[in-house]
Amino acid sequence: MATFRLARRLRAQRAVDTMSDGQFAVLAALKVFGPHTLAELATRERVTAPSMNRTVNSLEESGLLSRTPSLDDRRKITLDLTDEGRAVVVETARRRDAWLEGALAEIPADERATLARAAKIMQRLADR
């Protein structure tokens, strides 16, 4: 439960209050991993293509991502962040980092060291 509560507190530190977690996850994936097709994004986020299409449509309408036809295959569309989309990801990360930094500053150094060790274990589990 503690992990879920902490994740919820971090998710609340977003640059766009009306954006869903799924929408932000798409923007973050594009920032970290670069342009994707719709199918690649759906696979990465473990959702159906129609669900990803709805998310992408909403983000495109908001001006946060763009669609570009592939030069090799006109049926293939590449999705990428716009400058505004990139700014949303950067600002959200900045806010989350600032919140977490402030929270961590309030606990003793030995507890921060314990959390650092636990974070490595959690990362290994998440990467499975």
N, C-alpha and C. Protein backbone atom coordinates (compact mmCIF):
# COMPACT_ATOMS: atom_id res chain seq x y z
N MET A 1 0.81 -1.19 0.00
CA MET A 1 0.00 0.00 0.00
C MET A 1 0.86 1.26 0.00
N ALA A 2 1.97 1.20 0.71
CA ALA A 2 2.83 2.38 0.78
C ALA A 2 3.36 2.76 -0.59
N THR A 3 3.70 1.76 -1.39
CA THR A 3 4.20 2.03 -2.74
C THR A 3 3.12 2.70 -3.58
N PHE A 4 1.89 2.21 -3.49
CA PHE A 4 0.79 2.80 -4.24
C PHE A 4 0.51 4.24 -3.80
N ARG A 5 0.55 4.47 -2.49
CA ARG A 5 0.30 5.82 -1.98
C ARG A 5 1.38 6.79 -2.42
N LEU A 6 2.65 6.36 -2.35
CA LEU A 6 3.75 7.22 -2.79
C LEU A 6 3.63 7.50 -4.29
N ALA A 7 3.31 6.48 -5.07
CA ALA A 7 3.14 6.68 -6.52
C ALA A 7 2.01 7.66 -6.80
N ARG A 8 0.93 7.58 -6.05
CA ARG A 8 -0.19 8.50 -6.22
C ARG A 8 0.23 9.94 -5.90
N ARG A 9 1.01 10.11 -4.84
CA ARG A 9 1.50 11.46 -4.48
C ARG A 9 2.39 12.02 -5.58
N LEU A 10 3.26 11.18 -6.14
CA LEU A 10 4.14 11.64 -7.22
C LEU A 10 3.35 11.96 -8.48
N ARG A 11 2.36 11.13 -8.82
CA ARG A 11 1.55 11.39 -10.01
C ARG A 11 0.78 12.69 -9.90
N ALA A 12 0.46 13.09 -8.68
CA ALA A 12 -0.27 14.35 -8.48
C ALA A 12 0.57 15.57 -8.84
N GLN A 13 1.87 15.40 -8.92
CA GLN A 13 2.78 16.51 -9.23
C GLN A 13 2.95 16.61 -10.74
N ARG A 14 1.89 16.92 -11.46
CA ARG A 14 1.98 16.97 -12.92
C ARG A 14 1.79 18.40 -13.42
N ALA A 15 2.33 18.64 -14.59
CA ALA A 15 2.28 19.97 -15.19
C ALA A 15 0.88 20.30 -15.72
N VAL A 16 0.12 19.29 -16.12
CA VAL A 16 -1.23 19.49 -16.65
C VAL A 16 -2.18 18.67 -15.78
N ASP A 17 -2.96 19.36 -14.97
CA ASP A 17 -3.84 18.68 -14.00
C ASP A 17 -4.88 17.78 -14.64
N THR A 18 -5.32 18.11 -15.84
CA THR A 18 -6.38 17.35 -16.48
C THR A 18 -5.87 16.12 -17.24
N MET A 19 -4.58 15.94 -17.31
CA MET A 19 -4.00 14.82 -18.06
C MET A 19 -4.09 13.53 -17.24
N SER A 20 -4.50 12.45 -17.91
CA SER A 20 -4.58 11.16 -17.23
C SER A 20 -3.19 10.54 -17.11
N ASP A 21 -3.07 9.55 -16.24
CA ASP A 21 -1.81 8.83 -16.09
C ASP A 21 -1.40 8.17 -17.40
N GLY A 22 -2.40 7.61 -18.11
CA GLY A 22 -2.11 6.95 -19.38
C GLY A 22 -1.60 7.92 -20.43
N GLN A 23 -2.17 9.11 -20.47
CA GLN A 23 -1.70 10.12 -21.42
C GLN A 23 -0.27 10.54 -21.09
N PHE A 24 0.00 10.77 -19.81
CA PHE A 24 1.36 11.15 -19.45
C PHE A 24 2.34 10.02 -19.75
N ALA A 25 1.94 8.78 -19.53
CA ALA A 25 2.82 7.65 -19.81
C ALA A 25 3.22 7.61 -21.28
N VAL A 26 2.29 7.94 -22.16
CA VAL A 26 2.60 7.98 -23.60
C VAL A 26 3.61 9.08 -23.89
N LEU A 27 3.38 10.28 -23.34
CA LEU A 27 4.32 11.38 -23.56
C LEU A 27 5.70 11.02 -23.01
N ALA A 28 5.75 10.44 -21.83
CA ALA A 28 7.02 10.07 -21.22
C ALA A 28 7.74 9.01 -22.06
N ALA A 29 6.99 8.03 -22.58
CA ALA A 29 7.61 6.99 -23.42
C ALA A 29 8.22 7.60 -24.67
N LEU A 30 7.51 8.54 -25.28
CA LEU A 30 8.04 9.18 -26.48
C LEU A 30 9.28 10.01 -26.15
N LYS A 31 9.30 10.64 -24.98
CA LYS A 31 10.48 11.43 -24.58
C LYS A 31 11.67 10.53 -24.34
N VAL A 32 11.45 9.43 -23.65
CA VAL A 32 12.55 8.53 -23.27
C VAL A 32 13.02 7.66 -24.43
N PHE A 33 12.08 7.10 -25.19
CA PHE A 33 12.42 6.11 -26.20
C PHE A 33 12.33 6.62 -27.64
N GLY A 34 11.87 7.84 -27.83
CA GLY A 34 11.80 8.41 -29.17
C GLY A 34 10.52 8.04 -29.89
N PRO A 35 10.42 8.44 -31.16
CA PRO A 35 9.20 8.22 -31.95
C PRO A 35 8.80 6.75 -32.02
N HIS A 36 7.49 6.51 -32.05
CA HIS A 36 6.92 5.16 -32.11
C HIS A 36 5.76 5.17 -33.09
N THR A 37 5.40 3.98 -33.55
CA THR A 37 4.13 3.81 -34.25
C THR A 37 3.06 3.60 -33.18
N LEU A 38 1.81 3.66 -33.59
CA LEU A 38 0.70 3.42 -32.67
C LEU A 38 0.81 2.01 -32.08
N ALA A 39 1.08 1.03 -32.91
CA ALA A 39 1.17 -0.36 -32.44
C ALA A 39 2.33 -0.52 -31.45
N GLU A 40 3.45 0.12 -31.72
CA GLU A 40 4.58 0.04 -30.79
C GLU A 40 4.23 0.65 -29.43
N LEU A 41 3.55 1.79 -29.46
CA LEU A 41 3.15 2.42 -28.20
C LEU A 41 2.15 1.55 -27.44
N ALA A 42 1.20 0.97 -28.16
CA ALA A 42 0.21 0.10 -27.52
C ALA A 42 0.90 -1.08 -26.85
N THR A 43 1.85 -1.66 -27.54
CA THR A 43 2.60 -2.79 -26.98
C THR A 43 3.40 -2.35 -25.76
N ARG A 44 4.10 -1.24 -25.88
CA ARG A 44 4.93 -0.73 -24.78
C ARG A 44 4.08 -0.46 -23.54
N GLU A 45 2.90 0.11 -23.72
CA GLU A 45 2.04 0.48 -22.60
C GLU A 45 1.06 -0.63 -22.21
N ARG A 46 1.10 -1.74 -22.95
CA ARG A 46 0.26 -2.91 -22.66
C ARG A 46 -1.24 -2.58 -22.68
N VAL A 47 -1.62 -1.88 -23.76
CA VAL A 47 -3.04 -1.58 -23.99
C VAL A 47 -3.38 -1.98 -25.42
N THR A 48 -4.66 -2.00 -25.74
CA THR A 48 -5.07 -2.34 -27.10
C THR A 48 -4.80 -1.17 -28.05
N ALA A 49 -4.69 -1.47 -29.32
CA ALA A 49 -4.49 -0.42 -30.32
C ALA A 49 -5.64 0.59 -30.32
N PRO A 50 -6.92 0.15 -30.25
CA PRO A 50 -8.00 1.14 -30.21
C PRO A 50 -7.91 2.07 -28.99
N SER A 51 -7.53 1.51 -27.84
CA SER A 51 -7.38 2.33 -26.64
C SER A 51 -6.24 3.33 -26.82
N MET A 52 -5.13 2.88 -27.38
CA MET A 52 -4.00 3.78 -27.61
C MET A 52 -4.38 4.85 -28.63
N ASN A 53 -5.17 4.48 -29.62
CA ASN A 53 -5.60 5.44 -30.63
C ASN A 53 -6.40 6.58 -29.99
N ARG A 54 -7.29 6.25 -29.04
CA ARG A 54 -8.06 7.29 -28.34
C ARG A 54 -7.12 8.21 -27.55
N THR A 55 -6.14 7.63 -26.88
CA THR A 55 -5.19 8.42 -26.11
C THR A 55 -4.39 9.33 -27.03
N VAL A 56 -3.89 8.78 -28.11
CA VAL A 56 -3.08 9.55 -29.06
C VAL A 56 -3.91 10.66 -29.69
N ASN A 57 -5.15 10.36 -30.05
CA ASN A 57 -6.02 11.40 -30.63
C ASN A 57 -6.18 12.58 -29.68
N SER A 58 -6.39 12.28 -28.42
CA SER A 58 -6.56 13.33 -27.42
C SER A 58 -5.28 14.16 -27.27
N LEU A 59 -4.15 13.50 -27.23
CA LEU A 59 -2.87 14.21 -27.10
C LEU A 59 -2.56 15.04 -28.34
N GLU A 60 -2.93 14.52 -29.50
CA GLU A 60 -2.72 15.28 -30.73
C GLU A 60 -3.62 16.52 -30.75
N GLU A 61 -4.88 16.36 -30.35
CA GLU A 61 -5.81 17.49 -30.31
C GLU A 61 -5.33 18.57 -29.35
N SER A 62 -4.62 18.16 -28.31
CA SER A 62 -4.08 19.10 -27.32
C SER A 62 -2.76 19.72 -27.78
N GLY A 63 -2.25 19.27 -28.93
CA GLY A 63 -1.00 19.81 -29.45
C GLY A 63 0.24 19.27 -28.78
N LEU A 64 0.12 18.10 -28.11
CA LEU A 64 1.25 17.54 -27.37
C LEU A 64 2.04 16.50 -28.14
N LEU A 65 1.45 15.95 -29.20
CA LEU A 65 2.19 15.04 -30.06
C LEU A 65 1.76 15.23 -31.50
N SER A 66 2.59 14.73 -32.39
CA SER A 66 2.30 14.88 -33.82
C SER A 66 2.39 13.52 -34.51
N ARG A 67 1.73 13.43 -35.65
CA ARG A 67 1.77 12.22 -36.49
C ARG A 67 2.48 12.59 -37.78
N THR A 68 3.41 11.73 -38.19
CA THR A 68 4.14 11.95 -39.43
C THR A 68 4.10 10.68 -40.26
N PRO A 69 3.64 10.76 -41.51
CA PRO A 69 3.66 9.57 -42.37
C PRO A 69 5.09 9.11 -42.63
N SER A 70 5.28 7.81 -42.64
CA SER A 70 6.60 7.24 -42.92
C SER A 70 6.95 7.47 -44.38
N LEU A 71 8.21 7.77 -44.64
CA LEU A 71 8.66 7.93 -46.01
C LEU A 71 8.77 6.58 -46.73
N ASP A 72 9.00 5.51 -45.96
CA ASP A 72 9.15 4.18 -46.53
C ASP A 72 7.82 3.48 -46.78
N ASP A 73 6.85 3.72 -45.91
CA ASP A 73 5.57 3.01 -45.99
C ASP A 73 4.47 4.00 -45.62
N ARG A 74 3.72 4.47 -46.59
CA ARG A 74 2.71 5.50 -46.36
C ARG A 74 1.58 5.06 -45.42
N ARG A 75 1.44 3.75 -45.21
CA ARG A 75 0.43 3.26 -44.27
C ARG A 75 0.88 3.44 -42.83
N LYS A 76 2.17 3.59 -42.65
CA LYS A 76 2.77 3.68 -41.32
C LYS A 76 2.87 5.14 -40.87
N ILE A 77 2.41 5.41 -39.66
CA ILE A 77 2.45 6.76 -39.08
C ILE A 77 3.38 6.73 -37.87
N THR A 78 4.26 7.69 -37.79
CA THR A 78 5.15 7.81 -36.65
C THR A 78 4.64 8.91 -35.73
N LEU A 79 4.60 8.60 -34.44
CA LEU A 79 4.15 9.55 -33.42
C LEU A 79 5.36 10.09 -32.68
N ASP A 80 5.34 11.39 -32.43
CA ASP A 80 6.45 12.01 -31.70
C ASP A 80 5.92 13.20 -30.91
N LEU A 81 6.69 13.64 -29.94
CA LEU A 81 6.33 14.79 -29.13
C LEU A 81 6.46 16.08 -29.92
N THR A 82 5.58 17.01 -29.62
CA THR A 82 5.77 18.38 -30.09
C THR A 82 6.62 19.08 -29.03
N ASP A 83 7.04 20.30 -29.31
CA ASP A 83 7.79 21.05 -28.30
C ASP A 83 6.96 21.22 -27.03
N GLU A 84 5.65 21.45 -27.20
CA GLU A 84 4.77 21.60 -26.04
C GLU A 84 4.68 20.30 -25.24
N GLY A 85 4.58 19.17 -25.93
CA GLY A 85 4.54 17.88 -25.26
C GLY A 85 5.81 17.60 -24.49
N ARG A 86 6.94 17.92 -25.10
CA ARG A 86 8.23 17.74 -24.43
C ARG A 86 8.30 18.62 -23.18
N ALA A 87 7.79 19.84 -23.27
CA ALA A 87 7.80 20.75 -22.13
C ALA A 87 6.95 20.21 -20.98
N VAL A 88 5.82 19.58 -21.30
CA VAL A 88 4.96 18.99 -20.27
C VAL A 88 5.70 17.88 -19.53
N VAL A 89 6.41 17.04 -20.26
CA VAL A 89 7.15 15.94 -19.63
C VAL A 89 8.26 16.51 -18.74
N VAL A 90 9.00 17.46 -19.26
CA VAL A 90 10.12 18.05 -18.50
C VAL A 90 9.60 18.73 -17.23
N GLU A 91 8.53 19.51 -17.35
CA GLU A 91 8.00 20.22 -16.18
C GLU A 91 7.42 19.25 -15.16
N THR A 92 6.75 18.21 -15.62
CA THR A 92 6.20 17.21 -14.69
C THR A 92 7.33 16.51 -13.95
N ALA A 93 8.38 16.13 -14.66
CA ALA A 93 9.53 15.49 -14.01
C ALA A 93 10.17 16.44 -13.00
N ARG A 94 10.27 17.72 -13.35
CA ARG A 94 10.85 18.70 -12.44
C ARG A 94 10.02 18.80 -11.16
N ARG A 95 8.70 18.87 -11.31
CA ARG A 95 7.81 18.97 -10.15
C ARG A 95 7.90 17.72 -9.28
N ARG A 96 7.92 16.56 -9.91
CA ARG A 96 8.00 15.31 -9.15
C ARG A 96 9.33 15.21 -8.41
N ASP A 97 10.40 15.56 -9.10
CA ASP A 97 11.72 15.53 -8.46
C ASP A 97 11.77 16.49 -7.27
N ALA A 98 11.22 17.68 -7.44
CA ALA A 98 11.23 18.67 -6.37
C ALA A 98 10.42 18.18 -5.17
N TRP A 99 9.25 17.60 -5.43
CA TRP A 99 8.43 17.09 -4.33
C TRP A 99 9.17 15.99 -3.59
N LEU A 100 9.73 15.05 -4.35
CA LEU A 100 10.42 13.91 -3.72
C LEU A 100 11.68 14.37 -2.99
N GLU A 101 12.41 15.29 -3.56
CA GLU A 101 13.61 15.82 -2.91
C GLU A 101 13.25 16.46 -1.57
N GLY A 102 12.16 17.24 -1.57
CA GLY A 102 11.71 17.86 -0.32
C GLY A 102 11.29 16.83 0.71
N ALA A 103 10.58 15.81 0.28
CA ALA A 103 10.13 14.76 1.20
C ALA A 103 11.32 13.98 1.75
N LEU A 104 12.28 13.66 0.90
CA LEU A 104 13.45 12.90 1.35
C LEU A 104 14.33 13.71 2.29
N ALA A 105 14.35 15.02 2.11
CA ALA A 105 15.16 15.88 2.98
C ALA A 105 14.67 15.86 4.42
N GLU A 106 13.43 15.46 4.61
CA GLU A 106 12.84 15.46 5.94
C GLU A 106 13.11 14.18 6.73
N ILE A 107 13.74 13.19 6.10
CA ILE A 107 14.00 11.94 6.82
C ILE A 107 15.51 11.78 7.05
N PRO A 108 15.89 11.00 8.05
CA PRO A 108 17.32 10.84 8.37
C PRO A 108 18.11 10.16 7.25
N ALA A 109 19.40 10.42 7.22
CA ALA A 109 20.29 9.90 6.18
C ALA A 109 20.27 8.37 6.13
N ASP A 110 20.20 7.70 7.27
CA ASP A 110 20.21 6.24 7.25
C ASP A 110 18.94 5.70 6.57
N GLU A 111 17.82 6.37 6.75
CA GLU A 111 16.59 5.95 6.08
C GLU A 111 16.66 6.23 4.58
N ARG A 112 17.30 7.34 4.19
CA ARG A 112 17.49 7.62 2.75
C ARG A 112 18.37 6.54 2.12
N ALA A 113 19.40 6.09 2.84
CA ALA A 113 20.27 5.03 2.33
C ALA A 113 19.48 3.72 2.16
N THR A 114 18.62 3.44 3.12
CA THR A 114 17.77 2.24 3.01
C THR A 114 16.87 2.33 1.78
N LEU A 115 16.28 3.50 1.57
CA LEU A 115 15.43 3.69 0.39
C LEU A 115 16.22 3.55 -0.90
N ALA A 116 17.45 4.03 -0.93
CA ALA A 116 18.29 3.91 -2.13
C ALA A 116 18.55 2.43 -2.44
N ARG A 117 18.82 1.65 -1.41
CA ARG A 117 19.02 0.21 -1.64
C ARG A 117 17.73 -0.45 -2.10
N ALA A 118 16.62 -0.08 -1.48
CA ALA A 118 15.32 -0.65 -1.86
C ALA A 118 14.96 -0.28 -3.30
N ALA A 119 15.30 0.94 -3.71
CA ALA A 119 14.99 1.38 -5.07
C ALA A 119 15.68 0.49 -6.11
N LYS A 120 16.92 0.09 -5.83
CA LYS A 120 17.63 -0.80 -6.76
C LYS A 120 16.92 -2.15 -6.88
N ILE A 121 16.45 -2.65 -5.77
CA ILE A 121 15.72 -3.93 -5.78
C ILE A 121 14.41 -3.77 -6.55
N MET A 122 13.69 -2.69 -6.28
CA MET A 122 12.42 -2.45 -6.97
C MET A 122 12.64 -2.30 -8.48
N GLN A 123 13.73 -1.65 -8.88
CA GLN A 123 14.03 -1.50 -10.31
C GLN A 123 14.27 -2.86 -10.95
N ARG A 124 15.00 -3.74 -10.26
CA ARG A 124 15.23 -5.09 -10.80
C ARG A 124 13.90 -5.82 -10.99
N LEU A 125 13.02 -5.69 -10.01
CA LEU A 125 11.71 -6.34 -10.10
C LEU A 125 10.90 -5.77 -11.26
N ALA A 126 10.92 -4.46 -11.40
CA ALA A 126 10.15 -3.81 -12.48
C ALA A 126 10.68 -4.18 -13.85
N ASP A 127 11.97 -4.46 -13.96
CA ASP A 127 12.59 -4.78 -15.26
C ASP A 127 12.35 -6.24 -15.68
N ARG A 128 11.75 -7.04 -14.84
CA ARG A 128 11.51 -8.47 -15.16
C ARG A 128 10.45 -8.62 -16.21
